[in-house]
Amino acid sequence: MFYADGILRKSSLIDEIPGIFHGFSTRMGGKSTLSHTASLNLSHNLGDPEDVVRENLDIFARTVSDGRYGGDATVTLHQIHSAKVRVLTRDNAGEGYSLPRGEDGDGFVTAEAGVIPIARAADCVPILLAGLREDGRPVVSAVHAGWRGTVSGIAAEAVRQMLLLGCELPTIRAAIGPHIGYCCYEVGADFYETVCGLRGTEFAGRHITIPEGKTKHHADLTSMNAEILREAGILSGKIDISPDCTMCMSDVYYSHRATGGKRGVHGGGIGIR
């Protein structure tokens, strides 16, 4: 179950993993004053001064880690709508904050403390995962699943990378964060055809349908990512799903579609204590 914790939204399933912290940001609680980025925009190059974005990242890091870490522990990257997941160590802390960003991609995994990977979004799907090694030490992941990354299986790639770090599959919990819902995600015929080509017509038929009372297809990113996580071995009972649609709730979250692209970004962050 998702619940509110101040400016954050959290998953009770992720809370079950000891030794970690996590949270999905809203657009509240930051320092941005522009109308389209107000107030906790977590990305550069969207209109905010660099120092304001840095301050927002620091606010988010301190909030999500209960004051344990600041912005110099965060890691962001240039997201490219891929299924590429990077492995982080403590040496990566500060990339995108006080250090240059590392290699492009759309997700992170780490088994080290002192680093907070952040997956940023504004209608796309932020997903956080956490699990345990045999010795009880945590492994965590944060991924940005745009529709292309979703159908390319970035959620499954995150699970695979966690297993390579020694995480035990039965321990993994996943939280699918706030994103544009089936209610609002209208798509065209070209979208359907592309998904068919990438993942097959049966997959497309299950997740791209015409809602009752509508005339055009809508895509369900929630059910797509949940299915892909199940295929990777995560049981349905260990997958938490936010009920919030970012387009319906554009006063709480940033939404690319609701604003015609003029917006900031929120994000999901996770780390090891």
Protein backbone atom coordinates (compact mmCIF):
# COMPACT_ATOMS: atom_id res chain seq x y z
CA MET A 1 0.00 0.00 0.00
CA PHE A 2 1.15 3.52 -0.80
CA TYR A 3 0.90 6.18 1.88
CA ALA A 4 1.76 9.86 2.31
CA ASP A 5 4.69 10.88 4.49
CA GLY A 6 4.89 14.67 4.30
CA ILE A 7 5.99 15.67 0.80
CA LEU A 8 6.81 12.04 -0.07
CA ARG A 9 4.77 9.04 -1.13
CA LYS A 10 6.04 5.69 0.17
CA SER A 11 5.34 1.98 -0.20
CA SER A 12 4.61 -0.20 2.81
CA LEU A 13 5.99 -3.17 0.86
CA ILE A 14 9.37 -1.50 0.37
CA ASP A 15 9.31 -0.63 4.08
CA GLU A 16 9.45 -4.38 4.80
CA ILE A 17 13.10 -4.49 3.67
CA PRO A 18 15.32 -3.59 6.64
CA GLY A 19 18.23 -1.20 6.37
CA ILE A 20 16.92 1.01 3.57
CA PHE A 21 15.03 4.27 3.00
CA HIS A 22 12.92 5.32 0.03
CA GLY A 23 10.31 7.74 -1.26
CA PHE A 24 8.65 9.23 -4.31
CA SER A 25 8.64 13.02 -4.40
CA THR A 26 5.71 15.25 -5.22
CA ARG A 27 6.03 18.74 -6.68
CA MET A 28 5.74 20.21 -3.17
CA GLY A 29 8.31 21.32 -0.63
CA GLY A 30 11.04 22.82 -2.82
CA LYS A 31 12.56 26.13 -3.81
CA SER A 32 11.50 26.52 -7.45
CA THR A 33 9.38 29.64 -7.97
CA LEU A 34 8.60 29.45 -11.70
CA SER A 35 4.96 28.54 -12.26
CA HIS A 36 5.75 25.39 -14.26
CA THR A 37 8.51 24.08 -11.97
CA ALA A 38 7.17 25.08 -8.57
CA SER A 39 8.32 23.86 -6.25
CA LEU A 40 10.45 20.67 -5.96
CA ASN A 41 11.72 20.32 -9.52
CA LEU A 42 14.60 17.79 -9.58
CA SER A 43 16.02 18.47 -13.04
CA HIS A 44 18.31 21.02 -14.65
CA ASN A 45 17.57 22.61 -18.03
CA LEU A 46 13.86 23.16 -17.37
CA GLY A 47 14.08 26.84 -16.48
CA ASP A 48 15.30 26.83 -12.90
CA PRO A 49 18.71 28.28 -11.95
CA GLU A 50 21.32 25.57 -11.30
CA ASP A 51 21.58 26.46 -7.61
CA VAL A 52 17.82 26.07 -7.14
CA VAL A 53 17.85 22.54 -8.62
CA ARG A 54 20.81 21.63 -6.43
CA GLU A 55 18.93 22.91 -3.38
CA ASN A 56 15.88 20.87 -4.38
CA LEU A 57 17.99 17.72 -4.76
CA ASP A 58 19.43 18.37 -1.31
CA ILE A 59 15.95 18.81 0.16
CA PHE A 60 14.78 15.57 -1.43
CA ALA A 61 17.85 13.63 -0.30
CA ARG A 62 17.58 14.84 3.29
CA THR A 63 13.84 14.16 3.38
CA VAL A 64 13.98 10.68 1.87
CA SER A 65 16.97 9.63 4.02
CA ASP A 66 15.60 11.13 7.27
CA GLY A 67 18.49 13.58 7.35
CA ARG A 68 21.18 10.94 6.94
CA TYR A 69 22.41 12.20 3.52
CA GLY A 70 22.33 15.39 1.49
CA GLY A 71 22.42 16.21 -2.20
CA ASP A 72 26.04 15.10 -2.54
CA ALA A 73 24.83 11.50 -2.16
CA THR A 74 22.33 11.72 -5.04
CA VAL A 75 22.89 10.29 -8.51
CA THR A 76 20.92 11.28 -11.61
CA LEU A 77 21.63 10.63 -15.27
CA HIS A 78 20.50 11.69 -18.71
CA GLN A 79 17.48 9.43 -19.23
CA ILE A 80 17.12 8.09 -22.77
CA HIS A 81 13.99 5.85 -22.62
CA SER A 82 16.05 2.67 -22.72
CA ALA A 83 16.33 -0.55 -20.73
CA LYS A 84 19.87 0.28 -19.59
CA VAL A 85 20.53 -0.09 -15.86
CA ARG A 86 23.81 1.09 -14.33
CA VAL A 87 25.53 -0.41 -11.27
CA LEU A 88 26.51 2.25 -8.74
CA THR A 89 29.09 2.34 -5.97
CA ARG A 90 29.71 5.02 -3.38
CA ASP A 91 32.20 6.58 -5.80
CA ASN A 92 29.26 7.61 -8.01
CA ALA A 93 27.68 9.74 -5.26
CA GLY A 94 27.10 13.31 -6.46
CA GLU A 95 26.83 12.59 -10.19
CA GLY A 96 24.39 15.12 -11.57
CA TYR A 97 24.70 17.19 -8.40
CA SER A 98 28.29 18.21 -7.75
CA LEU A 99 29.93 15.91 -10.31
CA PRO A 100 29.29 15.42 -14.05
CA ARG A 101 26.60 12.89 -14.87
CA GLY A 102 27.77 9.39 -15.72
CA GLU A 103 26.84 7.25 -18.67
CA ASP A 104 23.33 7.72 -20.08
CA GLY A 105 20.63 5.22 -19.18
CA ASP A 106 17.37 4.82 -17.28
CA GLY A 107 18.08 2.96 -14.08
CA PHE A 108 20.44 2.10 -11.26
CA VAL A 109 21.20 -0.74 -8.88
CA THR A 110 23.50 -0.60 -5.89
CA ALA A 111 24.49 -2.65 -2.87
CA GLU A 112 26.43 0.18 -1.20
CA ALA A 113 25.43 2.80 1.33
CA GLY A 114 26.14 6.48 0.78
CA VAL A 115 24.54 6.79 -2.64
CA ILE A 116 20.92 7.70 -3.52
CA PRO A 117 19.88 6.78 -7.08
CA ILE A 118 17.00 8.90 -8.34
CA ALA A 119 14.69 7.98 -11.22
CA ARG A 120 12.96 11.13 -12.47
CA ALA A 121 9.61 11.36 -14.23
CA ALA A 122 6.70 13.58 -15.24
CA ASP A 123 4.14 10.98 -16.46
CA CYS A 124 6.61 8.14 -17.06
CA VAL A 125 6.85 5.39 -14.44
CA PRO A 126 9.38 5.58 -11.57
CA ILE A 127 9.94 2.14 -10.05
CA LEU A 128 11.82 1.37 -6.84
CA LEU A 129 12.97 -2.12 -5.87
CA ALA A 130 14.62 -3.53 -2.77
CA GLY A 131 15.72 -6.95 -1.61
CA LEU A 132 18.26 -8.79 0.51
CA ARG A 133 21.38 -10.87 0.00
CA GLU A 134 21.77 -14.18 1.82
CA ASP A 135 23.72 -12.39 4.59
CA GLY A 136 20.89 -9.89 5.09
CA ARG A 137 22.53 -6.93 3.37
CA PRO A 138 20.22 -4.92 1.09
CA VAL A 139 20.32 -4.34 -2.66
CA VAL A 140 18.24 -1.51 -4.13
CA SER A 141 17.24 -0.19 -7.54
CA ALA A 142 15.57 2.88 -9.06
CA VAL A 143 14.40 2.92 -12.68
CA HIS A 144 12.67 5.32 -15.05
CA ALA A 145 10.23 3.38 -17.23
CA GLY A 146 8.98 5.43 -20.13
CA TRP A 147 6.76 3.48 -22.49
CA ARG A 148 9.72 2.40 -24.61
CA GLY A 149 11.72 1.41 -21.55
CA THR A 150 8.67 -0.38 -20.18
CA VAL A 151 8.09 -2.56 -23.24
CA SER A 152 11.84 -3.12 -23.57
CA GLY A 153 11.75 -4.65 -20.10
CA ILE A 154 13.71 -2.23 -17.93
CA ALA A 155 11.90 -3.51 -14.82
CA ALA A 156 13.09 -7.05 -15.56
CA GLU A 157 16.60 -5.77 -16.28
CA ALA A 158 16.66 -4.11 -12.85
CA VAL A 159 15.73 -7.42 -11.24
CA ARG A 160 18.44 -9.21 -13.25
CA GLN A 161 21.07 -6.71 -12.16
CA MET A 162 19.99 -7.03 -8.53
CA LEU A 163 20.43 -10.82 -8.75
CA LEU A 164 23.92 -10.33 -10.19
CA LEU A 165 24.75 -8.35 -7.03
CA GLY A 166 23.71 -11.32 -4.92
CA CYS A 167 20.13 -10.35 -4.13
CA GLU A 168 17.82 -13.30 -3.48
CA LEU A 169 14.78 -13.24 -5.76
CA PRO A 170 12.15 -14.20 -3.13
CA THR A 171 13.09 -11.16 -1.03
CA ILE A 172 12.59 -8.52 -3.74
CA ARG A 173 9.76 -6.00 -3.39
CA ALA A 174 8.83 -3.53 -6.12
CA ALA A 175 6.93 -0.25 -5.95
CA ILE A 176 5.46 1.22 -9.14
CA GLY A 177 5.30 4.93 -8.40
CA PRO A 178 2.94 7.72 -9.51
CA HIS A 179 2.62 8.02 -13.29
CA ILE A 180 0.08 8.74 -16.00
CA GLY A 181 -2.79 6.31 -15.62
CA TYR A 182 -4.80 4.26 -18.07
CA CYS A 183 -7.54 6.83 -17.55
CA CYS A 184 -5.48 9.54 -19.29
CA TYR A 185 -2.88 7.83 -21.47
CA GLU A 186 -4.52 8.04 -24.90
CA VAL A 187 -2.36 6.61 -27.69
CA GLY A 188 -2.53 6.28 -31.47
CA ALA A 189 -2.37 3.34 -33.88
CA ASP A 190 1.37 3.82 -34.38
CA PHE A 191 1.91 3.30 -30.63
CA TYR A 192 -0.02 0.02 -30.73
CA GLU A 193 1.92 -1.19 -33.76
CA THR A 194 5.26 -0.31 -32.16
CA VAL A 195 4.39 -2.19 -28.96
CA CYS A 196 3.31 -5.18 -31.07
CA GLY A 197 6.68 -5.13 -32.79
CA LEU A 198 8.64 -4.85 -29.55
CA ARG A 199 6.70 -7.26 -27.33
CA GLY A 200 4.11 -9.07 -29.42
CA THR A 201 0.45 -8.66 -30.29
CA GLU A 202 -0.83 -10.57 -27.26
CA PHE A 203 1.02 -8.25 -24.87
CA ALA A 204 -0.23 -5.19 -26.73
CA GLY A 205 -3.78 -6.52 -26.74
CA ARG A 206 -3.75 -7.04 -22.98
CA HIS A 207 -2.52 -3.55 -22.13
CA ILE A 208 -3.69 -1.23 -24.93
CA THR A 209 -7.46 -1.15 -25.12
CA ILE A 210 -10.37 1.26 -25.58
CA PRO A 211 -11.91 2.25 -22.23
CA GLU A 212 -15.66 2.16 -21.84
CA GLY A 213 -17.15 5.38 -23.12
CA LYS A 214 -14.04 6.29 -25.14
CA THR A 215 -13.31 6.02 -28.85
CA LYS A 216 -9.49 5.82 -28.82
CA HIS A 217 -7.00 3.38 -27.36
CA HIS A 218 -5.43 3.97 -23.97
CA ALA A 219 -2.23 2.31 -22.73
CA ASP A 220 -1.87 0.85 -19.23
CA LEU A 221 1.73 1.32 -18.11
CA THR A 222 0.83 -0.01 -14.68
CA SER A 223 -0.26 -3.43 -15.92
CA MET A 224 2.61 -3.59 -18.43
CA ASN A 225 5.26 -3.13 -15.74
CA ALA A 226 3.47 -5.41 -13.29
CA GLU A 227 3.38 -8.21 -15.88
CA ILE A 228 7.05 -7.73 -16.73
CA LEU A 229 7.99 -7.82 -13.03
CA ARG A 230 6.00 -11.03 -12.57
CA GLU A 231 7.75 -12.56 -15.59
CA ALA A 232 11.04 -11.68 -13.86
CA GLY A 233 9.96 -13.71 -10.83
CA ILE A 234 8.42 -11.08 -8.55
CA LEU A 235 5.16 -12.35 -7.05
CA SER A 236 2.05 -10.18 -7.44
CA GLY A 237 1.83 -9.80 -3.66
CA LYS A 238 5.27 -8.20 -3.64
CA ILE A 239 4.42 -5.52 -6.21
CA ASP A 240 3.01 -2.29 -4.80
CA ILE A 241 1.20 0.10 -7.16
CA SER A 242 0.53 3.78 -6.62
CA PRO A 243 -3.10 4.71 -7.34
CA ASP A 244 -2.13 8.26 -8.35
CA CYS A 245 -2.36 9.45 -11.96
CA THR A 246 0.05 12.31 -12.55
CA MET A 247 -2.12 13.87 -15.24
CA CYS A 248 -5.26 13.79 -13.10
CA MET A 249 -3.24 15.13 -10.16
CA SER A 250 -1.04 17.70 -11.89
CA ASP A 251 -1.38 19.97 -8.86
CA VAL A 252 0.48 17.32 -6.82
CA TYR A 253 2.86 15.89 -9.45
CA TYR A 254 4.49 17.15 -12.63
CA SER A 255 2.73 16.02 -15.80
CA HIS A 256 4.15 16.38 -19.30
CA ARG A 257 0.78 15.86 -20.98
CA ALA A 258 -1.21 18.10 -18.68
CA THR A 259 1.14 21.04 -19.32
CA GLY A 260 2.08 20.47 -22.95
CA GLY A 261 5.65 19.71 -21.90
CA LYS A 262 6.28 22.84 -19.82
CA ARG A 263 6.94 21.34 -16.39
CA GLY A 264 9.47 20.16 -13.85
CA VAL A 265 10.13 16.58 -12.76
CA HIS A 266 9.55 14.59 -9.60
CA GLY A 267 11.35 11.36 -8.81
CA GLY A 268 11.77 8.19 -6.83
CA GLY A 269 14.83 7.76 -4.65
CA ILE A 270 16.10 4.84 -2.58
CA GLY A 271 19.21 4.08 -0.57
CA ILE A 272 20.88 1.93 2.04
CA ARG A 273 21.27 3.22 5.58
